[in-house]
Amino acid sequence: MLNKEKAYVYELNPTDEFSPFKTEEELSLDDNTESDEDLMFDEGIKQEIKDTIKYAKELFTRYTCWEGDGEVYISGLPGDNCDTFPLIFVTIKQVNNGCTFLYSPVELPYLEDYLAKKI
C-alpha cells in the first residue's frame, strides 16, 4: 500500500539506462488483454502502480524542475514476504534535457547528493 508519509525524490543527471525498469505500456496497466507478463499483476497491484505513478508525478512537480513530460518507467522490489512488489519505484526522463527524476519509497544512500526532497 502506498505510504505517503515516507518518500524520497531524487533529481538526477541525464540517465539513459533503465534496464530493470519497464514503461507503463510494457506493463499493460490500461490494457484489457492478458499477456504472460500480465499474469503476474493482479488488479490490486496494477492500481497500486497507477497510484504510485500519480503520487510520484505530484512530488516531481512540487519539489523538482520536472516540466511534466517524459517517459514513465516503473520497477519494484519484493516486500517483507517476498511474494509481492510493494516497493514501487518511478522514474521519469524529461524530454527536452534528459533530467531524470526518481521516486523511491525507501532511502537510497548512494544517491544522497541528488536528493531533492525527503518526506
C-alpha atoms as a PDB file:
ATOM      1  CA  MET A   1       0.000   0.000   0.000  1.00  0.00           C
ATOM      2  CA  LEU A   2       1.285   3.450  -0.948  1.00  0.00           C
ATOM      3  CA  ASN A   3       2.777   5.191   2.082  1.00  0.00           C
ATOM      4  CA  LYS A   4       2.603   8.959   1.574  1.00  0.00           C
ATOM      5  CA  GLU A   5       4.352   9.572   4.894  1.00  0.00           C
ATOM      6  CA  LYS A   6       7.681   8.280   3.623  1.00  0.00           C
ATOM      7  CA  ALA A   7       9.063   9.157   0.205  1.00  0.00           C
ATOM      8  CA  TYR A   8      12.338  10.147  -1.386  1.00  0.00           C
ATOM      9  CA  VAL A   9      12.535  12.277  -4.522  1.00  0.00           C
ATOM     10  CA  TYR A  10      15.794  12.404  -6.452  1.00  0.00           C
ATOM     11  CA  GLU A  11      16.743  14.748  -9.288  1.00  0.00           C
ATOM     12  CA  LEU A  12      19.453  13.012 -11.301  1.00  0.00           C
ATOM     13  CA  ASN A  13      21.699  13.889 -14.201  1.00  0.00           C
ATOM     14  CA  PRO A  14      20.511  12.639 -17.594  1.00  0.00           C
ATOM     15  CA  THR A  15      20.300   8.865 -17.443  1.00  0.00           C
ATOM     16  CA  ASP A  16      19.845   6.509 -20.375  1.00  0.00           C
ATOM     17  CA  GLU A  17      19.933   3.076 -18.749  1.00  0.00           C
ATOM     18  CA  PHE A  18      16.667   1.785 -17.304  1.00  0.00           C
ATOM     19  CA  SER A  19      17.199  -1.960 -17.682  1.00  0.00           C
ATOM     20  CA  PRO A  20      15.360  -3.090 -14.514  1.00  0.00           C
ATOM     21  CA  PHE A  21      12.512  -0.642 -15.229  1.00  0.00           C
ATOM     22  CA  LYS A  22       9.541  -1.077 -17.556  1.00  0.00           C
ATOM     23  CA  THR A  23       7.349   1.543 -19.189  1.00  0.00           C
ATOM     24  CA  GLU A  24       3.629   1.829 -18.444  1.00  0.00           C
ATOM     25  CA  GLU A  25       2.948   0.357 -21.889  1.00  0.00           C
ATOM     26  CA  GLU A  26       5.217  -2.624 -21.240  1.00  0.00           C
ATOM     27  CA  LEU A  27       3.275  -3.366 -18.049  1.00  0.00           C
ATOM     28  CA  SER A  28      -0.071  -3.083 -19.886  1.00  0.00           C
ATOM     29  CA  LEU A  29      -1.585  -1.165 -16.976  1.00  0.00           C
ATOM     30  CA  ASP A  30      -4.561   0.035 -19.024  1.00  0.00           C
ATOM     31  CA  ASP A  31      -4.768  -2.877 -21.437  1.00  0.00           C
ATOM     32  CA  ASN A  32      -7.532  -5.457 -21.054  1.00  0.00           C
ATOM     33  CA  THR A  33      -5.616  -8.131 -22.949  1.00  0.00           C
ATOM     34  CA  GLU A  34      -3.577 -10.633 -20.992  1.00  0.00           C
ATOM     35  CA  SER A  35      -0.020 -11.473 -21.870  1.00  0.00           C
ATOM     36  CA  ASP A  36       2.250 -13.815 -19.926  1.00  0.00           C
ATOM     37  CA  GLU A  37       3.676 -10.820 -18.105  1.00  0.00           C
ATOM     38  CA  ASP A  38       0.210  -9.505 -17.164  1.00  0.00           C
ATOM     39  CA  LEU A  39      -0.486 -12.697 -15.255  1.00  0.00           C
ATOM     40  CA  MET A  40       1.925 -11.626 -12.522  1.00  0.00           C
ATOM     41  CA  PHE A  41      -0.041  -8.426 -11.839  1.00  0.00           C
ATOM     42  CA  ASP A  42      -3.495  -8.664 -10.341  1.00  0.00           C
ATOM     43  CA  GLU A  43      -5.808  -5.651 -10.465  1.00  0.00           C
ATOM     44  CA  GLY A  44      -4.807  -4.583  -6.934  1.00  0.00           C
ATOM     45  CA  ILE A  45      -1.134  -4.373  -7.864  1.00  0.00           C
ATOM     46  CA  LYS A  46      -1.943  -2.573 -11.124  1.00  0.00           C
ATOM     47  CA  GLN A  47      -3.939   0.011  -9.161  1.00  0.00           C
ATOM     48  CA  GLU A  48      -1.101   0.371  -6.653  1.00  0.00           C
ATOM     49  CA  ILE A  49       1.319   1.056  -9.512  1.00  0.00           C
ATOM     50  CA  LYS A  50      -1.051   3.645 -11.025  1.00  0.00           C
ATOM     51  CA  ASP A  51      -1.479   5.363  -7.646  1.00  0.00           C
ATOM     52  CA  THR A  52       2.279   5.423  -7.107  1.00  0.00           C
ATOM     53  CA  ILE A  53       2.884   6.944 -10.555  1.00  0.00           C
ATOM     54  CA  LYS A  54       0.314   9.656  -9.839  1.00  0.00           C
ATOM     55  CA  TYR A  55       1.875  10.402  -6.443  1.00  0.00           C
ATOM     56  CA  ALA A  56       5.413  10.472  -7.887  1.00  0.00           C
ATOM     57  CA  LYS A  57       4.318  12.949 -10.558  1.00  0.00           C
ATOM     58  CA  GLU A  58       2.803  15.180  -7.855  1.00  0.00           C
ATOM     59  CA  LEU A  59       6.082  15.094  -5.914  1.00  0.00           C
ATOM     60  CA  PHE A  60       8.193  15.746  -9.018  1.00  0.00           C
ATOM     61  CA  THR A  61       6.013  18.751  -9.886  1.00  0.00           C
ATOM     62  CA  ARG A  62       6.228  20.167  -6.374  1.00  0.00           C
ATOM     63  CA  TYR A  63       9.878  19.541  -5.477  1.00  0.00           C
ATOM     64  CA  THR A  64      11.876  19.390  -8.723  1.00  0.00           C
ATOM     65  CA  CYS A  65      12.232  21.196 -12.031  1.00  0.00           C
ATOM     66  CA  TRP A  66      10.231  18.488 -13.856  1.00  0.00           C
ATOM     67  CA  GLU A  67       8.299  20.098 -16.722  1.00  0.00           C
ATOM     68  CA  GLY A  68       5.566  17.450 -16.880  1.00  0.00           C
ATOM     69  CA  ASP A  69       6.863  15.490 -19.864  1.00  0.00           C
ATOM     70  CA  GLY A  70       8.862  12.337 -20.426  1.00  0.00           C
ATOM     71  CA  GLU A  71       8.548   8.584 -20.387  1.00  0.00           C
ATOM     72  CA  VAL A  72       7.471   6.931 -17.130  1.00  0.00           C
ATOM     73  CA  TYR A  73       9.448   3.883 -16.009  1.00  0.00           C
ATOM     74  CA  ILE A  74       8.405   1.570 -13.169  1.00  0.00           C
ATOM     75  CA  SER A  75      10.306  -1.005 -11.149  1.00  0.00           C
ATOM     76  CA  GLY A  76       9.762  -2.782  -7.871  1.00  0.00           C
ATOM     77  CA  LEU A  77      11.417  -4.697  -5.084  1.00  0.00           C
ATOM     78  CA  PRO A  78       9.961  -7.537  -3.029  1.00  0.00           C
ATOM     79  CA  GLY A  79       8.436  -6.594   0.271  1.00  0.00           C
ATOM     80  CA  ASP A  80       8.802  -8.343   3.594  1.00  0.00           C
ATOM     81  CA  ASN A  81       7.094 -11.554   2.476  1.00  0.00           C
ATOM     82  CA  CYS A  82       8.842 -11.630  -0.952  1.00  0.00           C
ATOM     83  CA  ASP A  83       5.582 -12.623  -2.678  1.00  0.00           C
ATOM     84  CA  THR A  84       4.640  -9.182  -3.955  1.00  0.00           C
ATOM     85  CA  PHE A  85       6.256  -5.973  -5.188  1.00  0.00           C
ATOM     86  CA  PRO A  86       5.027  -3.359  -2.706  1.00  0.00           C
ATOM     87  CA  LEU A  87       8.135  -1.195  -3.050  1.00  0.00           C
ATOM     88  CA  ILE A  88       7.408   0.557  -6.327  1.00  0.00           C
ATOM     89  CA  PHE A  89       9.948   2.932  -7.873  1.00  0.00           C
ATOM     90  CA  VAL A  90       9.010   5.509 -10.520  1.00  0.00           C
ATOM     91  CA  THR A  91      11.471   7.231 -12.842  1.00  0.00           C
ATOM     92  CA  ILE A  92      10.743   9.866 -15.468  1.00  0.00           C
ATOM     93  CA  LYS A  93      13.278  11.093 -18.006  1.00  0.00           C
ATOM     94  CA  GLN A  94      12.422  14.617 -19.128  1.00  0.00           C
ATOM     95  CA  VAL A  95      12.262  15.004 -22.906  1.00  0.00           C
ATOM     96  CA  ASN A  96      13.963  18.344 -23.544  1.00  0.00           C
ATOM     97  CA  ASN A  97      17.118  17.974 -21.419  1.00  0.00           C
ATOM     98  CA  GLY A  98      17.219  14.380 -20.204  1.00  0.00           C
ATOM     99  CA  CYS A  99      16.985  15.233 -16.496  1.00  0.00           C
ATOM    100  CA  THR A 100      15.888  12.137 -14.667  1.00  0.00           C
ATOM    101  CA  PHE A 101      13.583  12.103 -11.659  1.00  0.00           C
ATOM    102  CA  LEU A 102      13.278   9.143  -9.308  1.00  0.00           C
ATOM    103  CA  TYR A 103      10.640   8.428  -6.674  1.00  0.00           C
ATOM    104  CA  SER A 104      11.594   5.832  -4.078  1.00  0.00           C
ATOM    105  CA  PRO A 105       9.648   4.586  -1.044  1.00  0.00           C
ATOM    106  CA  VAL A 106      12.979   3.880   0.678  1.00  0.00           C
ATOM    107  CA  GLU A 107      16.118   5.947   1.073  1.00  0.00           C
ATOM    108  CA  LEU A 108      18.874   5.281  -1.461  1.00  0.00           C
ATOM    109  CA  PRO A 109      22.017   6.477   0.383  1.00  0.00           C
ATOM    110  CA  TYR A 110      24.280   6.219  -2.645  1.00  0.00           C
ATOM    111  CA  LEU A 111      22.130   8.881  -4.347  1.00  0.00           C
ATOM    112  CA  GLU A 112      22.134  11.316  -1.416  1.00  0.00           C
ATOM    113  CA  ASP A 113      23.857  14.025  -3.479  1.00  0.00           C
ATOM    114  CA  TYR A 114      20.779  14.053  -5.742  1.00  0.00           C
ATOM    115  CA  LEU A 115      18.112  14.072  -3.021  1.00  0.00           C
ATOM    116  CA  ALA A 116      15.589  16.816  -3.811  1.00  0.00           C
ATOM    117  CA  LYS A 117      13.072  16.054  -1.059  1.00  0.00           C
ATOM    118  CA  LYS A 118      12.688  13.624   1.828  1.00  0.00           C
ATOM    119  CA  ILE A 119       9.160  13.192   3.176  1.00  0.00           C
END
